[in-house]
Amino acid sequence: MVDLRAKPYCLNDEDIAWVESTIAGMTAEEKVGQLFWQLTAGNSEEYLSELMEKYHLGG
């Protein structure tokens, strides 16, 4: 387990509770999506929205 109180995170108890709650509320698909960044030539809002909805991209 990552120590969120230590560097480089330095989170307080409230921040850690938010992180844990957010992760607990995510689906497996959303968690996997956070491993990827949008690296495409297109940058239209419609295209990027589709990528976010479909793949749950992080970053």
PDB file of N, CA and C in Angstrom:
ATOM      1  N   MET A   1       0.842  -1.181   0.000  1.00  0.00           N
ATOM      2  CA  MET A   1       0.000   0.000   0.000  1.00  0.00           C
ATOM      3  C   MET A   1       0.885   1.241   0.000  1.00  0.00           C
ATOM      4  N   VAL A   2       0.454   2.245  -0.708  1.00  0.00           N
ATOM      5  CA  VAL A   2       1.190   3.497  -0.800  1.00  0.00           C
ATOM      6  C   VAL A   2       0.891   4.351   0.428  1.00  0.00           C
ATOM      7  N   ASP A   3       1.922   4.925   1.014  1.00  0.00           N
ATOM      8  CA  ASP A   3       1.749   5.818   2.159  1.00  0.00           C
ATOM      9  C   ASP A   3       1.448   7.214   1.630  1.00  0.00           C
ATOM     10  N   LEU A   4       0.178   7.585   1.650  1.00  0.00           N
ATOM     11  CA  LEU A   4      -0.235   8.877   1.105  1.00  0.00           C
ATOM     12  C   LEU A   4       0.130  10.054   2.001  1.00  0.00           C
ATOM     13  N   ARG A   5       0.602   9.766   3.207  1.00  0.00           N
ATOM     14  CA  ARG A   5       1.046  10.832   4.106  1.00  0.00           C
ATOM     15  C   ARG A   5       2.504  11.240   3.823  1.00  0.00           C
ATOM     16  N   ALA A   6       3.245  10.336   3.201  1.00  0.00           N
ATOM     17  CA  ALA A   6       4.664  10.577   2.929  1.00  0.00           C
ATOM     18  C   ALA A   6       4.852  11.325   1.609  1.00  0.00           C
ATOM     19  N   LYS A   7       6.060  11.815   1.396  1.00  0.00           N
ATOM     20  CA  LYS A   7       6.410  12.461   0.131  1.00  0.00           C
ATOM     21  C   LYS A   7       6.292  11.441  -0.990  1.00  0.00           C
ATOM     22  N   PRO A   8       5.866  11.767  -2.130  1.00  0.00           N
ATOM     23  CA  PRO A   8       5.581  13.112  -2.629  1.00  0.00           C
ATOM     24  C   PRO A   8       4.125  13.545  -2.425  1.00  0.00           C
ATOM     25  N   TYR A   9       3.309  12.725  -1.786  1.00  0.00           N
ATOM     26  CA  TYR A   9       1.878  13.029  -1.680  1.00  0.00           C
ATOM     27  C   TYR A   9       1.564  13.993  -0.543  1.00  0.00           C
ATOM     28  N   CYS A  10       2.041  13.706   0.646  1.00  0.00           N
ATOM     29  CA  CYS A  10       1.864  14.577   1.821  1.00  0.00           C
ATOM     30  C   CYS A  10       0.399  14.945   2.061  1.00  0.00           C
ATOM     31  N   LEU A  11      -0.500  13.965   1.966  1.00  0.00           N
ATOM     32  CA  LEU A  11      -1.925  14.225   2.149  1.00  0.00           C
ATOM     33  C   LEU A  11      -2.322  14.162   3.618  1.00  0.00           C
ATOM     34  N   ASN A  12      -3.333  14.938   3.977  1.00  0.00           N
ATOM     35  CA  ASN A  12      -3.862  14.877   5.341  1.00  0.00           C
ATOM     36  C   ASN A  12      -4.999  13.847   5.388  1.00  0.00           C
ATOM     37  N   ASP A  13      -5.562  13.631   6.546  1.00  0.00           N
ATOM     38  CA  ASP A  13      -6.593  12.595   6.704  1.00  0.00           C
ATOM     39  C   ASP A  13      -7.810  12.840   5.818  1.00  0.00           C
ATOM     40  N   GLU A  14      -8.222  14.101   5.692  1.00  0.00           N
ATOM     41  CA  GLU A  14      -9.383  14.431   4.858  1.00  0.00           C
ATOM     42  C   GLU A  14      -9.107  14.113   3.392  1.00  0.00           C
ATOM     43  N   ASP A  15      -7.916  14.459   2.922  1.00  0.00           N
ATOM     44  CA  ASP A  15      -7.541  14.180   1.534  1.00  0.00           C
ATOM     45  C   ASP A  15      -7.473  12.682   1.274  1.00  0.00           C
ATOM     46  N   ILE A  16      -6.905  11.941   2.207  1.00  0.00           N
ATOM     47  CA  ILE A  16      -6.797  10.490   2.064  1.00  0.00           C
ATOM     48  C   ILE A  16      -8.186   9.856   2.029  1.00  0.00           C
ATOM     49  N   ALA A  17      -9.094  10.347   2.853  1.00  0.00           N
ATOM     50  CA  ALA A  17     -10.465   9.833   2.847  1.00  0.00           C
ATOM     51  C   ALA A  17     -11.116  10.067   1.489  1.00  0.00           C
ATOM     52  N   TRP A  18     -10.866  11.249   0.885  1.00  0.00           N
ATOM     53  CA  TRP A  18     -11.421  11.538  -0.435  1.00  0.00           C
ATOM     54  C   TRP A  18     -10.861  10.571  -1.489  1.00  0.00           C
ATOM     55  N   VAL A  19      -9.551  10.362  -1.463  1.00  0.00           N
ATOM     56  CA  VAL A  19      -8.913   9.448  -2.416  1.00  0.00           C
ATOM     57  C   VAL A  19      -9.503   8.046  -2.277  1.00  0.00           C
ATOM     58  N   GLU A  20      -9.567   7.548  -1.064  1.00  0.00           N
ATOM     59  CA  GLU A  20     -10.070   6.194  -0.832  1.00  0.00           C
ATOM     60  C   GLU A  20     -11.537   6.067  -1.240  1.00  0.00           C
ATOM     61  N   SER A  21     -12.336   7.083  -0.957  1.00  0.00           N
ATOM     62  CA  SER A  21     -13.748   7.074  -1.325  1.00  0.00           C
ATOM     63  C   SER A  21     -13.921   7.109  -2.842  1.00  0.00           C
ATOM     64  N   THR A  22     -13.125   7.932  -3.492  1.00  0.00           N
ATOM     65  CA  THR A  22     -13.202   8.051  -4.948  1.00  0.00           C
ATOM     66  C   THR A  22     -12.829   6.737  -5.615  1.00  0.00           C
ATOM     67  N   ILE A  23     -11.742   6.138  -5.177  1.00  0.00           N
ATOM     68  CA  ILE A  23     -11.299   4.869  -5.762  1.00  0.00           C
ATOM     69  C   ILE A  23     -12.322   3.769  -5.500  1.00  0.00           C
ATOM     70  N   ALA A  24     -12.881   3.739  -4.302  1.00  0.00           N
ATOM     71  CA  ALA A  24     -13.882   2.717  -3.961  1.00  0.00           C
ATOM     72  C   ALA A  24     -15.129   2.843  -4.830  1.00  0.00           C
ATOM     73  N   GLY A  25     -15.425   4.059  -5.291  1.00  0.00           N
ATOM     74  CA  GLY A  25     -16.610   4.277  -6.105  1.00  0.00           C
ATOM     75  C   GLY A  25     -16.400   4.062  -7.591  1.00  0.00           C
ATOM     76  N   MET A  26     -15.174   3.754  -7.984  1.00  0.00           N
ATOM     77  CA  MET A  26     -14.867   3.563  -9.401  1.00  0.00           C
ATOM     78  C   MET A  26     -15.074   2.110  -9.819  1.00  0.00           C
ATOM     79  N   THR A  27     -15.515   1.941 -11.058  1.00  0.00           N
ATOM     80  CA  THR A  27     -15.620   0.593 -11.624  1.00  0.00           C
ATOM     81  C   THR A  27     -14.222   0.128 -12.023  1.00  0.00           C
ATOM     82  N   ALA A  28     -14.076  -1.160 -12.274  1.00  0.00           N
ATOM     83  CA  ALA A  28     -12.789  -1.688 -12.746  1.00  0.00           C
ATOM     84  C   ALA A  28     -12.406  -1.023 -14.063  1.00  0.00           C
ATOM     85  N   GLU A  29     -13.379  -0.793 -14.938  1.00  0.00           N
ATOM     86  CA  GLU A  29     -13.120  -0.148 -16.230  1.00  0.00           C
ATOM     87  C   GLU A  29     -12.591   1.276 -16.032  1.00  0.00           C
ATOM     88  N   GLU A  30     -13.157   2.009 -15.100  1.00  0.00           N
ATOM     89  CA  GLU A  30     -12.688   3.367 -14.817  1.00  0.00           C
ATOM     90  C   GLU A  30     -11.272   3.353 -14.255  1.00  0.00           C
ATOM     91  N   LYS A  31     -10.969   2.399 -13.395  1.00  0.00           N
ATOM     92  CA  LYS A  31      -9.625   2.300 -12.817  1.00  0.00           C
ATOM     93  C   LYS A  31      -8.593   2.009 -13.896  1.00  0.00           C
ATOM     94  N   VAL A  32      -8.903   1.092 -14.800  1.00  0.00           N
ATOM     95  CA  VAL A  32      -7.985   0.777 -15.902  1.00  0.00           C
ATOM     96  C   VAL A  32      -7.814   1.997 -16.791  1.00  0.00           C
ATOM     97  N   GLY A  33      -8.892   2.711 -17.053  1.00  0.00           N
ATOM     98  CA  GLY A  33      -8.824   3.903 -17.890  1.00  0.00           C
ATOM     99  C   GLY A  33      -7.880   4.952 -17.348  1.00  0.00           C
ATOM    100  N   GLN A  34      -7.708   5.010 -16.031  1.00  0.00           N
ATOM    101  CA  GLN A  34      -6.813   5.988 -15.420  1.00  0.00           C
ATOM    102  C   GLN A  34      -5.347   5.704 -15.718  1.00  0.00           C
ATOM    103  N   LEU A  35      -5.056   4.542 -16.265  1.00  0.00           N
ATOM    104  CA  LEU A  35      -3.679   4.200 -16.623  1.00  0.00           C
ATOM    105  C   LEU A  35      -3.274   4.793 -17.964  1.00  0.00           C
ATOM    106  N   PHE A  36      -4.232   5.358 -18.708  1.00  0.00           N
ATOM    107  CA  PHE A  36      -3.975   5.828 -20.062  1.00  0.00           C
ATOM    108  C   PHE A  36      -4.208   7.324 -20.194  1.00  0.00           C
ATOM    109  N   TRP A  37      -3.460   7.939 -21.098  1.00  0.00           N
ATOM    110  CA  TRP A  37      -3.580   9.359 -21.409  1.00  0.00           C
ATOM    111  C   TRP A  37      -4.066   9.498 -22.831  1.00  0.00           C
ATOM    112  N   GLN A  38      -4.692  10.606 -23.134  1.00  0.00           N
ATOM    113  CA  GLN A  38      -5.150  10.892 -24.481  1.00  0.00           C
ATOM    114  C   GLN A  38      -3.972  11.436 -25.274  1.00  0.00           C
ATOM    115  N   LEU A  39      -3.483  10.640 -26.198  1.00  0.00           N
ATOM    116  CA  LEU A  39      -2.374  11.046 -27.063  1.00  0.00           C
ATOM    117  C   LEU A  39      -2.802  10.869 -28.514  1.00  0.00           C
ATOM    118  N   THR A  40      -3.606  11.777 -29.004  1.00  0.00           N
ATOM    119  CA  THR A  40      -4.101  11.678 -30.369  1.00  0.00           C
ATOM    120  C   THR A  40      -3.909  13.002 -31.084  1.00  0.00           C
ATOM    121  N   ALA A  41      -4.041  12.953 -32.392  1.00  0.00           N
ATOM    122  CA  ALA A  41      -3.912  14.165 -33.184  1.00  0.00           C
ATOM    123  C   ALA A  41      -5.166  15.028 -33.087  1.00  0.00           C
ATOM    124  N   GLY A  42      -6.314  14.405 -32.869  1.00  0.00           N
ATOM    125  CA  GLY A  42      -7.564  15.152 -32.803  1.00  0.00           C
ATOM    126  C   GLY A  42      -7.733  15.843 -31.461  1.00  0.00           C
ATOM    127  N   ASN A  43      -8.322  17.017 -31.490  1.00  0.00           N
ATOM    128  CA  ASN A  43      -8.551  17.712 -30.224  1.00  0.00           C
ATOM    129  C   ASN A  43      -9.907  18.413 -30.189  1.00  0.00           C
ATOM    130  N   SER A  44     -10.827  17.973 -31.040  1.00  0.00           N
ATOM    131  CA  SER A  44     -12.159  18.573 -30.993  1.00  0.00           C
ATOM    132  C   SER A  44     -12.853  18.132 -29.710  1.00  0.00           C
ATOM    133  N   GLU A  45     -13.699  18.996 -29.183  1.00  0.00           N
ATOM    134  CA  GLU A  45     -14.385  18.692 -27.928  1.00  0.00           C
ATOM    135  C   GLU A  45     -15.234  17.431 -28.051  1.00  0.00           C
ATOM    136  N   GLU A  46     -15.890  17.265 -29.179  1.00  0.00           N
ATOM    137  CA  GLU A  46     -16.721  16.076 -29.391  1.00  0.00           C
ATOM    138  C   GLU A  46     -15.888  14.798 -29.361  1.00  0.00           C
ATOM    139  N   TYR A  47     -14.755  14.816 -30.042  1.00  0.00           N
ATOM    140  CA  TYR A  47     -13.875  13.650 -30.094  1.00  0.00           C
ATOM    141  C   TYR A  47     -13.311  13.316 -28.716  1.00  0.00           C
ATOM    142  N   LEU A  48     -12.841  14.343 -28.007  1.00  0.00           N
ATOM    143  CA  LEU A  48     -12.264  14.119 -26.683  1.00  0.00           C
ATOM    144  C   LEU A  48     -13.326  13.643 -25.689  1.00  0.00           C
ATOM    145  N   SER A  49     -14.529  14.179 -25.780  1.00  0.00           N
ATOM    146  CA  SER A  49     -15.619  13.731 -24.911  1.00  0.00           C
ATOM    147  C   SER A  49     -15.929  12.263 -25.144  1.00  0.00           C
ATOM    148  N   GLU A  50     -15.915  11.853 -26.411  1.00  0.00           N
ATOM    149  CA  GLU A  50     -16.155  10.447 -26.744  1.00  0.00           C
ATOM    150  C   GLU A  50     -15.076   9.555 -26.128  1.00  0.00           C
ATOM    151  N   LEU A  51     -13.823   9.971 -26.214  1.00  0.00           N
ATOM    152  CA  LEU A  51     -12.727   9.193 -25.620  1.00  0.00           C
ATOM    153  C   LEU A  51     -12.896   9.077 -24.110  1.00  0.00           C
ATOM    154  N   MET A  52     -13.250  10.179 -23.463  1.00  0.00           N
ATOM    155  CA  MET A  52     -13.409  10.175 -22.009  1.00  0.00           C
ATOM    156  C   MET A  52     -14.555   9.261 -21.582  1.00  0.00           C
ATOM    157  N   GLU A  53     -15.662   9.332 -22.296  1.00  0.00           N
ATOM    158  CA  GLU A  53     -16.825   8.506 -21.960  1.00  0.00           C
ATOM    159  C   GLU A  53     -16.557   7.028 -22.225  1.00  0.00           C
ATOM    160  N   LYS A  54     -15.900   6.746 -23.321  1.00  0.00           N
ATOM    161  CA  LYS A  54     -15.689   5.359 -23.734  1.00  0.00           C
ATOM    162  C   LYS A  54     -14.556   4.679 -22.966  1.00  0.00           C
ATOM    163  N   TYR A  55     -13.458   5.405 -22.732  1.00  0.00           N
ATOM    164  CA  TYR A  55     -12.264   4.771 -22.172  1.00  0.00           C
ATOM    165  C   TYR A  55     -11.894   5.255 -20.766  1.00  0.00           C
ATOM    166  N   HIS A  56     -12.572   6.278 -20.255  1.00  0.00           N
ATOM    167  CA  HIS A  56     -12.316   6.796 -18.897  1.00  0.00           C
ATOM    168  C   HIS A  56     -10.849   7.180 -18.717  1.00  0.00           C
ATOM    169  N   LEU A  57     -10.328   7.941 -19.691  1.00  0.00           N
ATOM    170  CA  LEU A  57      -8.910   8.290 -19.681  1.00  0.00           C
ATOM    171  C   LEU A  57      -8.525   9.130 -18.475  1.00  0.00           C
ATOM    172  N   GLY A  58      -7.332   8.915 -18.003  1.00  0.00           N
ATOM    173  CA  GLY A  58      -6.800   9.697 -16.885  1.00  0.00           C
ATOM    174  C   GLY A  58      -6.011  10.893 -17.374  1.00  0.00           C
ATOM    175  N   GLY A  59      -5.289  11.514 -16.446  1.00  0.00           N
ATOM    176  CA  GLY A  59      -4.422  12.616 -16.811  1.00  0.00           C
ATOM    177  C   GLY A  59      -5.173  13.884 -17.028  1.00  0.00           C
TER     178      GLY A  59
END
